[in-house]
């Protein structure tokens, strides 16, 4: 059976996506799924590689957590058991320090 984001999870991801689009940071997204993984890819431009990928892997639920945020180079930037906890990675990126 294929893995998908649940409605609540996808709603949280799309809320963040909408905020970042309004700021002009993100421009496009794609969703892909397989029997083991579901991926929400975020693009700055549609012709480029994704800036970030939000990944759901249920097989890792009891180990490191089933959700991950991956960077452009494939490095794991944040992982956790809840989608809200991994999306908190982007909270610190939304605010810039003004001196």
N, C-alpha and C. Protein backbone atom coordinates (compact mmCIF):
# COMPACT_ATOMS: atom_id res chain seq x y z
N UNK A 1 0.84 -1.18 0.00
CA UNK A 1 0.00 0.00 0.00
C UNK A 1 0.89 1.25 0.00
N UNK A 2 0.54 2.22 -0.80
CA UNK A 2 1.33 3.45 -0.93
C UNK A 2 1.19 4.33 0.31
N UNK A 3 2.23 5.14 0.55
CA UNK A 3 2.26 6.07 1.66
C UNK A 3 1.81 7.44 1.17
N UNK A 4 0.93 8.10 1.91
CA UNK A 4 0.46 9.44 1.60
C UNK A 4 0.52 10.30 2.86
N UNK A 5 0.51 11.63 2.67
CA UNK A 5 0.34 12.53 3.80
C UNK A 5 -1.12 12.50 4.21
N UNK A 6 -1.38 12.52 5.51
CA UNK A 6 -2.75 12.63 5.99
C UNK A 6 -3.21 14.07 5.79
N UNK A 7 -4.49 14.28 5.84
CA UNK A 7 -5.07 15.61 5.61
C UNK A 7 -4.48 16.66 6.56
N UNK A 8 -4.37 16.34 7.83
CA UNK A 8 -3.83 17.25 8.83
C UNK A 8 -2.37 17.60 8.53
N UNK A 9 -1.59 16.60 8.17
CA UNK A 9 -0.17 16.81 7.84
C UNK A 9 -0.03 17.69 6.61
N UNK A 10 -0.78 17.39 5.58
CA UNK A 10 -0.70 18.17 4.35
C UNK A 10 -1.18 19.60 4.57
N UNK A 11 -2.18 19.77 5.41
CA UNK A 11 -2.67 21.11 5.73
C UNK A 11 -1.59 21.95 6.39
N UNK A 12 -0.85 21.37 7.32
CA UNK A 12 0.24 22.09 7.98
C UNK A 12 1.34 22.46 6.99
N UNK A 13 1.66 21.54 6.11
CA UNK A 13 2.70 21.80 5.10
C UNK A 13 2.25 22.90 4.14
N UNK A 14 1.00 22.84 3.70
CA UNK A 14 0.50 23.84 2.76
C UNK A 14 0.34 25.22 3.40
N UNK A 15 0.05 25.27 4.70
CA UNK A 15 0.01 26.55 5.41
C UNK A 15 1.38 27.22 5.38
N UNK A 16 2.41 26.46 5.69
CA UNK A 16 3.78 26.98 5.63
C UNK A 16 4.14 27.39 4.21
N UNK A 17 3.79 26.54 3.25
CA UNK A 17 4.09 26.83 1.85
C UNK A 17 3.44 28.15 1.42
N UNK A 18 2.20 28.36 1.79
CA UNK A 18 1.49 29.59 1.44
C UNK A 18 2.16 30.83 2.02
N UNK A 19 2.63 30.73 3.25
CA UNK A 19 3.32 31.86 3.88
C UNK A 19 4.62 32.18 3.14
N UNK A 20 5.35 31.15 2.75
CA UNK A 20 6.62 31.37 2.07
C UNK A 20 6.42 31.86 0.63
N UNK A 21 5.35 31.45 0.00
CA UNK A 21 5.02 31.96 -1.34
C UNK A 21 4.66 33.45 -1.24
N UNK A 22 3.90 33.81 -0.21
CA UNK A 22 3.52 35.21 -0.01
C UNK A 22 4.75 36.10 0.19
N UNK A 23 5.78 35.55 0.84
CA UNK A 23 7.02 36.29 1.02
C UNK A 23 7.86 36.34 -0.26
N UNK A 24 7.57 35.46 -1.21
CA UNK A 24 8.33 35.41 -2.46
C UNK A 24 9.53 34.48 -2.42
N UNK A 25 9.65 33.68 -1.36
CA UNK A 25 10.79 32.77 -1.23
C UNK A 25 10.62 31.48 -2.03
N UNK A 26 9.41 30.96 -2.06
CA UNK A 26 9.13 29.71 -2.76
C UNK A 26 8.15 29.98 -3.88
N UNK A 27 8.24 29.18 -4.95
CA UNK A 27 7.38 29.42 -6.11
C UNK A 27 6.58 28.22 -6.59
N UNK A 28 7.03 27.00 -6.30
CA UNK A 28 6.36 25.82 -6.84
C UNK A 28 6.57 24.64 -5.90
N UNK A 29 5.75 23.63 -6.07
CA UNK A 29 5.91 22.40 -5.28
C UNK A 29 5.47 21.20 -6.10
N UNK A 30 5.87 20.03 -5.63
CA UNK A 30 5.45 18.77 -6.23
C UNK A 30 5.29 17.75 -5.11
N UNK A 31 4.34 16.83 -5.30
CA UNK A 31 4.12 15.77 -4.33
C UNK A 31 4.30 14.44 -5.04
N UNK A 32 5.07 13.58 -4.44
CA UNK A 32 5.28 12.25 -4.99
C UNK A 32 5.11 11.21 -3.90
N UNK A 33 4.77 9.99 -4.29
CA UNK A 33 4.58 8.94 -3.30
C UNK A 33 4.98 7.60 -3.89
N UNK A 34 5.21 6.68 -2.98
CA UNK A 34 5.62 5.33 -3.34
C UNK A 34 5.09 4.40 -2.24
N UNK A 35 5.45 3.15 -2.30
CA UNK A 35 4.97 2.25 -1.25
C UNK A 35 5.68 2.47 0.07
N UNK A 36 6.86 3.12 0.08
CA UNK A 36 7.63 3.32 1.30
C UNK A 36 7.74 4.77 1.74
N UNK A 37 7.46 5.72 0.86
CA UNK A 37 7.77 7.12 1.16
C UNK A 37 6.81 8.06 0.43
N UNK A 38 6.57 9.23 1.05
CA UNK A 38 5.82 10.30 0.41
C UNK A 38 6.67 11.57 0.54
N UNK A 39 6.76 12.35 -0.54
CA UNK A 39 7.65 13.51 -0.56
C UNK A 39 6.90 14.74 -1.03
N UNK A 40 7.08 15.86 -0.31
CA UNK A 40 6.59 17.17 -0.70
C UNK A 40 7.84 17.98 -1.04
N UNK A 41 8.07 18.24 -2.32
CA UNK A 41 9.27 18.95 -2.78
C UNK A 41 8.95 20.42 -3.00
N UNK A 42 9.83 21.30 -2.54
CA UNK A 42 9.63 22.74 -2.61
C UNK A 42 10.68 23.34 -3.54
N UNK A 43 10.21 24.16 -4.48
CA UNK A 43 11.09 24.73 -5.49
C UNK A 43 11.11 26.26 -5.42
N UNK A 44 12.26 26.82 -5.71
CA UNK A 44 12.35 28.27 -5.88
C UNK A 44 11.97 28.62 -7.32
N UNK A 45 12.41 27.78 -8.23
CA UNK A 45 12.02 27.87 -9.64
C UNK A 45 11.71 26.46 -10.12
N UNK A 46 10.71 26.32 -10.94
CA UNK A 46 10.26 24.99 -11.36
C UNK A 46 11.33 24.24 -12.15
N UNK A 47 12.24 24.95 -12.78
CA UNK A 47 13.24 24.29 -13.62
C UNK A 47 14.45 23.80 -12.83
N UNK A 48 14.52 24.10 -11.55
CA UNK A 48 15.68 23.72 -10.73
C UNK A 48 15.39 22.49 -9.88
N UNK A 49 16.41 22.04 -9.18
CA UNK A 49 16.24 20.98 -8.19
C UNK A 49 15.50 21.56 -6.98
N UNK A 50 14.81 20.73 -6.21
CA UNK A 50 14.07 21.27 -5.07
C UNK A 50 15.00 21.87 -4.01
N UNK A 51 14.54 22.98 -3.43
CA UNK A 51 15.27 23.60 -2.31
C UNK A 51 15.20 22.70 -1.08
N UNK A 52 14.01 22.22 -0.79
CA UNK A 52 13.76 21.38 0.37
C UNK A 52 12.82 20.26 -0.02
N UNK A 53 12.92 19.16 0.71
CA UNK A 53 11.96 18.07 0.58
C UNK A 53 11.49 17.67 1.97
N UNK A 54 10.18 17.62 2.13
CA UNK A 54 9.59 17.15 3.37
C UNK A 54 9.16 15.71 3.11
N UNK A 55 9.73 14.79 3.87
CA UNK A 55 9.60 13.36 3.58
C UNK A 55 8.89 12.66 4.73
N UNK A 56 8.00 11.74 4.37
CA UNK A 56 7.32 10.89 5.35
C UNK A 56 7.71 9.45 5.05
N UNK A 57 8.38 8.79 6.02
CA UNK A 57 8.77 7.39 5.92
C UNK A 57 8.25 6.65 7.16
N UNK A 58 7.09 6.02 7.06
CA UNK A 58 6.52 5.34 8.23
C UNK A 58 7.41 4.25 8.83
N UNK A 59 8.30 3.68 8.05
CA UNK A 59 9.18 2.63 8.59
C UNK A 59 10.13 3.16 9.65
N UNK A 60 10.39 4.47 9.66
CA UNK A 60 11.28 5.07 10.65
C UNK A 60 10.53 5.62 11.87
N UNK A 61 9.24 5.37 11.96
CA UNK A 61 8.41 5.94 13.02
C UNK A 61 8.90 5.58 14.41
N UNK A 62 9.38 4.38 14.62
CA UNK A 62 9.83 3.96 15.95
C UNK A 62 11.30 4.26 16.20
N UNK A 63 12.00 4.67 15.18
CA UNK A 63 13.43 4.94 15.34
C UNK A 63 13.66 6.44 15.47
N UNK A 64 13.91 7.11 14.34
CA UNK A 64 14.28 8.52 14.34
C UNK A 64 13.09 9.44 14.13
N UNK A 65 11.97 8.91 13.82
CA UNK A 65 10.79 9.70 13.49
C UNK A 65 10.51 9.59 12.00
N UNK A 66 9.25 9.55 11.66
CA UNK A 66 8.91 9.30 10.25
C UNK A 66 9.00 10.53 9.35
N UNK A 67 9.15 11.73 9.92
CA UNK A 67 9.22 12.94 9.10
C UNK A 67 10.64 13.49 9.06
N UNK A 68 11.02 14.00 7.89
CA UNK A 68 12.34 14.59 7.71
C UNK A 68 12.23 15.81 6.81
N UNK A 69 13.12 16.78 7.03
CA UNK A 69 13.32 17.88 6.09
C UNK A 69 14.71 17.66 5.49
N UNK A 70 14.76 17.54 4.18
CA UNK A 70 16.02 17.35 3.48
C UNK A 70 16.39 18.62 2.73
N UNK A 71 17.66 18.95 2.71
CA UNK A 71 18.14 20.10 1.96
C UNK A 71 18.35 19.77 0.50
N UNK A 72 18.79 20.75 -0.25
CA UNK A 72 19.02 20.58 -1.68
C UNK A 72 20.02 19.47 -1.98
N UNK A 73 21.01 19.34 -1.10
CA UNK A 73 22.06 18.33 -1.31
C UNK A 73 21.71 16.97 -0.73
N UNK A 74 20.52 16.82 -0.16
CA UNK A 74 20.08 15.54 0.38
C UNK A 74 20.38 15.34 1.85
N UNK A 75 21.03 16.30 2.49
CA UNK A 75 21.31 16.19 3.92
C UNK A 75 20.03 16.32 4.73
N UNK A 76 19.96 15.57 5.82
CA UNK A 76 18.82 15.67 6.73
C UNK A 76 19.03 16.91 7.59
N UNK A 77 18.12 17.88 7.48
CA UNK A 77 18.21 19.12 8.24
C UNK A 77 17.46 19.03 9.57
N UNK A 78 16.39 18.24 9.57
CA UNK A 78 15.58 18.07 10.79
C UNK A 78 14.78 16.80 10.63
N UNK A 79 14.61 16.07 11.72
CA UNK A 79 13.75 14.87 11.70
C UNK A 79 12.97 14.80 12.99
N UNK A 80 11.82 14.13 12.92
CA UNK A 80 11.00 14.04 14.11
C UNK A 80 9.80 13.13 13.91
N UNK A 81 9.05 12.98 14.99
CA UNK A 81 7.89 12.09 14.98
C UNK A 81 6.61 12.79 14.54
N UNK A 82 6.59 14.12 14.58
CA UNK A 82 5.41 14.89 14.18
C UNK A 82 5.80 15.86 13.07
N UNK A 83 4.88 16.10 12.15
CA UNK A 83 5.17 17.01 11.04
C UNK A 83 5.40 18.44 11.55
N UNK A 84 4.67 18.84 12.58
CA UNK A 84 4.84 20.20 13.12
C UNK A 84 6.24 20.41 13.67
N UNK A 85 6.81 19.39 14.27
CA UNK A 85 8.16 19.54 14.83
C UNK A 85 9.21 19.70 13.74
N UNK A 86 9.07 19.01 12.63
CA UNK A 86 10.07 19.18 11.56
C UNK A 86 9.85 20.48 10.80
N UNK A 87 8.61 20.95 10.74
CA UNK A 87 8.34 22.23 10.07
C UNK A 87 8.87 23.40 10.89
N UNK A 88 9.13 23.17 12.17
CA UNK A 88 9.70 24.23 13.00
C UNK A 88 11.09 24.63 12.51
N UNK A 89 11.72 23.80 11.71
CA UNK A 89 13.01 24.14 11.09
C UNK A 89 12.90 25.45 10.32
N UNK A 90 11.76 25.67 9.69
CA UNK A 90 11.58 26.86 8.86
C UNK A 90 11.24 28.10 9.67
N UNK A 91 10.86 27.95 10.94
CA UNK A 91 10.54 29.11 11.78
C UNK A 91 11.73 30.04 11.92
N UNK A 92 12.89 29.49 12.15
CA UNK A 92 14.07 30.34 12.32
C UNK A 92 14.52 30.97 11.01
N UNK A 93 14.07 30.43 9.90
CA UNK A 93 14.44 30.98 8.60
C UNK A 93 13.50 32.11 8.17
N UNK A 94 12.34 32.23 8.81
CA UNK A 94 11.36 33.25 8.42
C UNK A 94 11.74 34.64 8.91
N UNK A 95 12.46 34.71 10.00
CA UNK A 95 12.75 36.00 10.62
C UNK A 95 14.20 36.37 10.41
N UNK A 96 14.44 37.59 9.98
CA UNK A 96 15.79 38.08 9.79
C UNK A 96 16.12 39.08 10.88
N UNK A 97 17.33 39.05 11.36
CA UNK A 97 17.77 39.99 12.38
C UNK A 97 18.16 41.29 11.70
N UNK A 98 17.59 42.39 12.16
CA UNK A 98 17.87 43.69 11.60
C UNK A 98 18.70 44.47 12.61
N UNK A 99 19.83 44.98 12.14
CA UNK A 99 20.70 45.75 13.05
C UNK A 99 20.73 47.20 12.66
